[in-house]
Amino acid sequence: MTFREKLQMVYPGIVKENEKIKECLGYYEFADGAECIHDCEKCWDRVIPGTDDNAMEKDDLKNGMICELRDGSLMMWLNGVLRGIDEWCGDTGNDLKDKCGEEQYDIVKVYTTHGLSLRNMLKRTHLKLIWERKETKEMTIAEIEKALGYPVKIIGDIHESNQ
């Protein structure tokens, strides 16, 4: 998603299609400190980090971003390392998974925070989600039926017809 698309989503009708935007995206709360490149059209047409099909990578993490790990804990990204109140983790790979295969340390969500103290920065009430890992969920037919609330009949896989 580009900053222009986000503007249209947050403020519908504010900009007509193909209309030039003449104000700095830094004036909008959803820009989250995006660097100004002094060319408004190019700024607005940039892709927001982490919004293009699960493409958040280690280089997209900025100091002060809050990361939720697979085990549900929250840590701050600071100087290339995940840091918590009582622990830290320095083995984050480019794909935001733990390099040593410790799945509980995989980053599954990334937030910005508006908390003022370190403790408040790590409170969920002060967080704004900017990225979430999209993973395939494995389920049995019984689990699918329970989730849907009614029985299902599997008739084939859409992927089979495309081969």
C-alpha atoms as a PDB file:
ATOM      1  CA  MET A   1       0.000   0.000   0.000  1.00  0.00           C
ATOM      2  CA  THR A   2       1.349   3.426  -0.887  1.00  0.00           C
ATOM      3  CA  PHE A   3       1.049   6.502   1.318  1.00  0.00           C
ATOM      4  CA  ARG A   4      -1.399   7.897  -1.303  1.00  0.00           C
ATOM      5  CA  GLU A   5      -3.603   4.798  -0.981  1.00  0.00           C
ATOM      6  CA  LYS A   6      -3.455   5.059   2.808  1.00  0.00           C
ATOM      7  CA  LEU A   7      -4.506   8.732   2.622  1.00  0.00           C
ATOM      8  CA  GLN A   8      -7.496   7.781   0.465  1.00  0.00           C
ATOM      9  CA  MET A   9      -8.389   4.976   2.873  1.00  0.00           C
ATOM     10  CA  VAL A  10      -8.128   7.105   6.042  1.00  0.00           C
ATOM     11  CA  TYR A  11      -9.647  10.256   4.492  1.00  0.00           C
ATOM     12  CA  PRO A  12     -11.957   9.130   1.658  1.00  0.00           C
ATOM     13  CA  GLY A  13     -12.513  11.756  -1.009  1.00  0.00           C
ATOM     14  CA  ILE A  14      -9.755  14.081   0.164  1.00  0.00           C
ATOM     15  CA  VAL A  15      -7.820  13.530  -3.069  1.00  0.00           C
ATOM     16  CA  LYS A  16      -9.283  12.739  -6.464  1.00  0.00           C
ATOM     17  CA  GLU A  17      -7.641  10.049  -8.595  1.00  0.00           C
ATOM     18  CA  ASN A  18      -4.523  11.303 -10.429  1.00  0.00           C
ATOM     19  CA  GLU A  19      -4.680  14.599  -8.507  1.00  0.00           C
ATOM     20  CA  LYS A  20      -1.323  15.893  -7.280  1.00  0.00           C
ATOM     21  CA  ILE A  21      -0.921  16.142  -3.524  1.00  0.00           C
ATOM     22  CA  LYS A  22       0.886  19.312  -2.584  1.00  0.00           C
ATOM     23  CA  GLU A  23       1.328  18.880   1.153  1.00  0.00           C
ATOM     24  CA  CYS A  24       3.958  16.878   2.994  1.00  0.00           C
ATOM     25  CA  LEU A  25       2.844  13.442   4.130  1.00  0.00           C
ATOM     26  CA  GLY A  26       4.608  14.183   7.423  1.00  0.00           C
ATOM     27  CA  TYR A  27       1.532  16.210   8.430  1.00  0.00           C
ATOM     28  CA  TYR A  28      -0.528  13.002   8.650  1.00  0.00           C
ATOM     29  CA  GLU A  29      -0.547  10.735  11.694  1.00  0.00           C
ATOM     30  CA  PHE A  30      -0.240   7.552   9.616  1.00  0.00           C
ATOM     31  CA  ALA A  31       3.112   8.637   8.124  1.00  0.00           C
ATOM     32  CA  ASP A  32       4.788   7.546  11.385  1.00  0.00           C
ATOM     33  CA  GLY A  33       7.925   9.588  10.830  1.00  0.00           C
ATOM     34  CA  ALA A  34       8.456   8.631   7.184  1.00  0.00           C
ATOM     35  CA  GLU A  35      11.502  10.442   5.861  1.00  0.00           C
ATOM     36  CA  CYS A  36      10.730  13.452   3.658  1.00  0.00           C
ATOM     37  CA  ILE A  37      12.546  13.320   0.319  1.00  0.00           C
ATOM     38  CA  HIS A  38      11.446  16.871  -0.652  1.00  0.00           C
ATOM     39  CA  ASP A  39       9.370  15.696  -3.614  1.00  0.00           C
ATOM     40  CA  CYS A  40       5.768  15.310  -2.450  1.00  0.00           C
ATOM     41  CA  GLU A  41       4.611  13.248  -5.423  1.00  0.00           C
ATOM     42  CA  LYS A  42       7.414  10.716  -4.963  1.00  0.00           C
ATOM     43  CA  CYS A  43       6.826  10.656  -1.194  1.00  0.00           C
ATOM     44  CA  TRP A  44       3.111   9.907  -1.603  1.00  0.00           C
ATOM     45  CA  ASP A  45       3.748   7.166  -4.157  1.00  0.00           C
ATOM     46  CA  ARG A  46       6.205   5.238  -1.947  1.00  0.00           C
ATOM     47  CA  VAL A  47       5.129   1.889  -0.544  1.00  0.00           C
ATOM     48  CA  ILE A  48       4.632   1.932   3.217  1.00  0.00           C
ATOM     49  CA  PRO A  49       7.186  -0.506   4.685  1.00  0.00           C
ATOM     50  CA  GLY A  50       5.626  -3.828   5.552  1.00  0.00           C
ATOM     51  CA  THR A  51       2.378  -3.371   3.640  1.00  0.00           C
ATOM     52  CA  ASP A  52       3.201  -5.161   0.410  1.00  0.00           C
ATOM     53  CA  ASP A  53       2.242  -8.819   0.832  1.00  0.00           C
ATOM     54  CA  ASN A  54       4.092  -9.763   3.968  1.00  0.00           C
ATOM     55  CA  ALA A  55       7.294  -8.060   2.821  1.00  0.00           C
ATOM     56  CA  MET A  56       8.496  -6.618   6.146  1.00  0.00           C
ATOM     57  CA  GLU A  57      12.189  -7.354   6.535  1.00  0.00           C
ATOM     58  CA  LYS A  58      14.798  -6.669   9.188  1.00  0.00           C
ATOM     59  CA  ASP A  59      15.996  -3.539   7.346  1.00  0.00           C
ATOM     60  CA  ASP A  60      12.436  -2.111   7.575  1.00  0.00           C
ATOM     61  CA  LEU A  61      12.562  -2.119  11.377  1.00  0.00           C
ATOM     62  CA  LYS A  62      13.357   1.283  12.878  1.00  0.00           C
ATOM     63  CA  ASN A  63      14.560   2.128  16.362  1.00  0.00           C
ATOM     64  CA  GLY A  64      11.589   2.390  18.708  1.00  0.00           C
ATOM     65  CA  MET A  65       9.277   0.021  16.817  1.00  0.00           C
ATOM     66  CA  ILE A  66       7.590  -2.526  19.052  1.00  0.00           C
ATOM     67  CA  CYS A  67       7.691  -6.160  17.957  1.00  0.00           C
ATOM     68  CA  GLU A  68       5.354  -8.888  19.132  1.00  0.00           C
ATOM     69  CA  LEU A  69       6.957 -12.305  19.261  1.00  0.00           C
ATOM     70  CA  ARG A  70       5.231 -15.577  18.521  1.00  0.00           C
ATOM     71  CA  ASP A  71       5.003 -16.261  22.276  1.00  0.00           C
ATOM     72  CA  GLY A  72       2.993 -13.017  22.697  1.00  0.00           C
ATOM     73  CA  SER A  73       5.700 -10.989  24.405  1.00  0.00           C
ATOM     74  CA  LEU A  74       6.490  -7.432  23.314  1.00  0.00           C
ATOM     75  CA  MET A  75      10.001  -6.107  22.724  1.00  0.00           C
ATOM     76  CA  MET A  76      11.409  -2.878  21.321  1.00  0.00           C
ATOM     77  CA  TRP A  77      13.682  -2.842  18.280  1.00  0.00           C
ATOM     78  CA  LEU A  78      16.744  -0.795  19.204  1.00  0.00           C
ATOM     79  CA  ASN A  79      20.135  -0.707  17.463  1.00  0.00           C
ATOM     80  CA  GLY A  80      19.487  -3.935  15.566  1.00  0.00           C
ATOM     81  CA  VAL A  81      18.395  -5.977  18.572  1.00  0.00           C
ATOM     82  CA  LEU A  82      15.075  -6.844  20.234  1.00  0.00           C
ATOM     83  CA  ARG A  83      15.064  -5.494  23.782  1.00  0.00           C
ATOM     84  CA  GLY A  84      12.560  -6.192  26.522  1.00  0.00           C
ATOM     85  CA  ILE A  85      12.246  -5.083  30.119  1.00  0.00           C
ATOM     86  CA  ASP A  86      14.268  -8.061  31.413  1.00  0.00           C
ATOM     87  CA  GLU A  87      15.696  -9.769  28.317  1.00  0.00           C
ATOM     88  CA  TRP A  88      16.978  -9.224  24.795  1.00  0.00           C
ATOM     89  CA  CYS A  89      17.269 -11.205  21.570  1.00  0.00           C
ATOM     90  CA  GLY A  90      19.932 -10.595  18.935  1.00  0.00           C
ATOM     91  CA  ASP A  91      19.347 -13.466  16.499  1.00  0.00           C
ATOM     92  CA  THR A  92      16.677 -11.940  14.235  1.00  0.00           C
ATOM     93  CA  GLY A  93      17.057 -12.923  10.574  1.00  0.00           C
ATOM     94  CA  ASN A  94      16.156 -10.829   7.536  1.00  0.00           C
ATOM     95  CA  ASP A  95      12.745 -12.569   7.400  1.00  0.00           C
ATOM     96  CA  LEU A  96      12.108 -11.557  11.060  1.00  0.00           C
ATOM     97  CA  LYS A  97      12.410 -15.167  12.192  1.00  0.00           C
ATOM     98  CA  ASP A  98      14.899 -16.326  14.784  1.00  0.00           C
ATOM     99  CA  LYS A  99      18.113 -17.466  13.067  1.00  0.00           C
ATOM    100  CA  CYS A 100      18.523 -20.340  15.543  1.00  0.00           C
ATOM    101  CA  GLY A 101      15.067 -21.741  14.803  1.00  0.00           C
ATOM    102  CA  GLU A 102      13.625 -20.771  18.207  1.00  0.00           C
ATOM    103  CA  GLU A 103      10.101 -20.087  16.912  1.00  0.00           C
ATOM    104  CA  GLN A 104       8.962 -18.303  20.079  1.00  0.00           C
ATOM    105  CA  TYR A 105      11.379 -15.481  19.116  1.00  0.00           C
ATOM    106  CA  ASP A 106       9.937 -15.024  15.586  1.00  0.00           C
ATOM    107  CA  ILE A 107       8.469 -11.555  15.080  1.00  0.00           C
ATOM    108  CA  VAL A 108       4.803 -11.903  14.131  1.00  0.00           C
ATOM    109  CA  LYS A 109       3.593  -8.286  14.475  1.00  0.00           C
ATOM    110  CA  VAL A 110       5.232  -4.863  14.320  1.00  0.00           C
ATOM    111  CA  TYR A 111       3.804  -1.718  15.909  1.00  0.00           C
ATOM    112  CA  THR A 112       4.577   1.930  16.335  1.00  0.00           C
ATOM    113  CA  THR A 113       3.988   3.321  19.804  1.00  0.00           C
ATOM    114  CA  HIS A 114       2.890   6.617  21.267  1.00  0.00           C
ATOM    115  CA  GLY A 115       3.821   5.744  24.859  1.00  0.00           C
ATOM    116  CA  LEU A 116       6.088   8.303  26.515  1.00  0.00           C
ATOM    117  CA  SER A 117       7.874   6.121  29.067  1.00  0.00           C
ATOM    118  CA  LEU A 118       9.603   2.854  28.225  1.00  0.00           C
ATOM    119  CA  ARG A 119       7.054   0.885  30.236  1.00  0.00           C
ATOM    120  CA  ASN A 120       4.129   2.620  28.466  1.00  0.00           C
ATOM    121  CA  MET A 121       5.755   2.117  25.053  1.00  0.00           C
ATOM    122  CA  LEU A 122       5.348  -1.628  25.615  1.00  0.00           C
ATOM    123  CA  LYS A 123       1.669  -1.455  26.651  1.00  0.00           C
ATOM    124  CA  ARG A 124      -0.805  -2.679  24.038  1.00  0.00           C
ATOM    125  CA  THR A 125      -3.033   0.368  24.647  1.00  0.00           C
ATOM    126  CA  HIS A 126      -0.270   2.578  23.211  1.00  0.00           C
ATOM    127  CA  LEU A 127       0.408   0.518  20.073  1.00  0.00           C
ATOM    128  CA  LYS A 128      -0.587   0.919  16.429  1.00  0.00           C
ATOM    129  CA  LEU A 129      -0.230  -2.216  14.270  1.00  0.00           C
ATOM    130  CA  ILE A 130       1.706  -1.626  11.032  1.00  0.00           C
ATOM    131  CA  TRP A 131       2.529  -5.207   9.990  1.00  0.00           C
ATOM    132  CA  GLU A 132       1.364  -8.734  10.735  1.00  0.00           C
ATOM    133  CA  ARG A 133       2.874 -12.004   9.536  1.00  0.00           C
ATOM    134  CA  LYS A 134       0.458 -13.868   7.285  1.00  0.00           C
ATOM    135  CA  GLU A 135       0.816 -17.595   7.710  1.00  0.00           C
ATOM    136  CA  THR A 136      -1.134 -20.554   6.446  1.00  0.00           C
ATOM    137  CA  LYS A 137      -3.137 -22.164   9.208  1.00  0.00           C
ATOM    138  CA  GLU A 138      -3.365 -25.933   9.148  1.00  0.00           C
ATOM    139  CA  MET A 139      -6.777 -27.253  10.166  1.00  0.00           C
ATOM    140  CA  THR A 140      -8.600 -30.557  10.077  1.00  0.00           C
ATOM    141  CA  ILE A 141     -12.051 -30.779   8.509  1.00  0.00           C
ATOM    142  CA  ALA A 142     -13.510 -31.081  12.022  1.00  0.00           C
ATOM    143  CA  GLU A 143     -11.757 -27.847  13.073  1.00  0.00           C
ATOM    144  CA  ILE A 144     -13.019 -26.054   9.949  1.00  0.00           C
ATOM    145  CA  GLU A 145     -16.577 -27.235  10.623  1.00  0.00           C
ATOM    146  CA  LYS A 146     -16.340 -26.089  14.236  1.00  0.00           C
ATOM    147  CA  ALA A 147     -15.012 -22.657  13.192  1.00  0.00           C
ATOM    148  CA  LEU A 148     -17.740 -22.230  10.559  1.00  0.00           C
ATOM    149  CA  GLY A 149     -20.503 -23.681  12.705  1.00  0.00           C
ATOM    150  CA  TYR A 150     -21.760 -26.083  10.056  1.00  0.00           C
ATOM    151  CA  PRO A 151     -20.569 -29.198   8.164  1.00  0.00           C
ATOM    152  CA  VAL A 152     -18.493 -28.887   4.991  1.00  0.00           C
ATOM    153  CA  LYS A 153     -17.797 -31.180   2.071  1.00  0.00           C
ATOM    154  CA  ILE A 154     -14.415 -30.912   0.353  1.00  0.00           C
ATOM    155  CA  ILE A 155     -14.942 -31.059  -3.411  1.00  0.00           C
ATOM    156  CA  GLY A 156     -11.433 -30.357  -4.666  1.00  0.00           C
ATOM    157  CA  ASP A 157      -8.587 -27.921  -4.492  1.00  0.00           C
ATOM    158  CA  ILE A 158      -8.564 -24.773  -6.628  1.00  0.00           C
ATOM    159  CA  HIS A 159      -4.835 -25.333  -7.112  1.00  0.00           C
ATOM    160  CA  GLU A 160      -5.515 -28.709  -8.775  1.00  0.00           C
ATOM    161  CA  SER A 161      -7.463 -27.092 -11.633  1.00  0.00           C
ATOM    162  CA  ASN A 162      -4.660 -24.579 -12.330  1.00  0.00           C
ATOM    163  CA  GLN A 163      -2.032 -27.246 -13.027  1.00  0.00           C
END
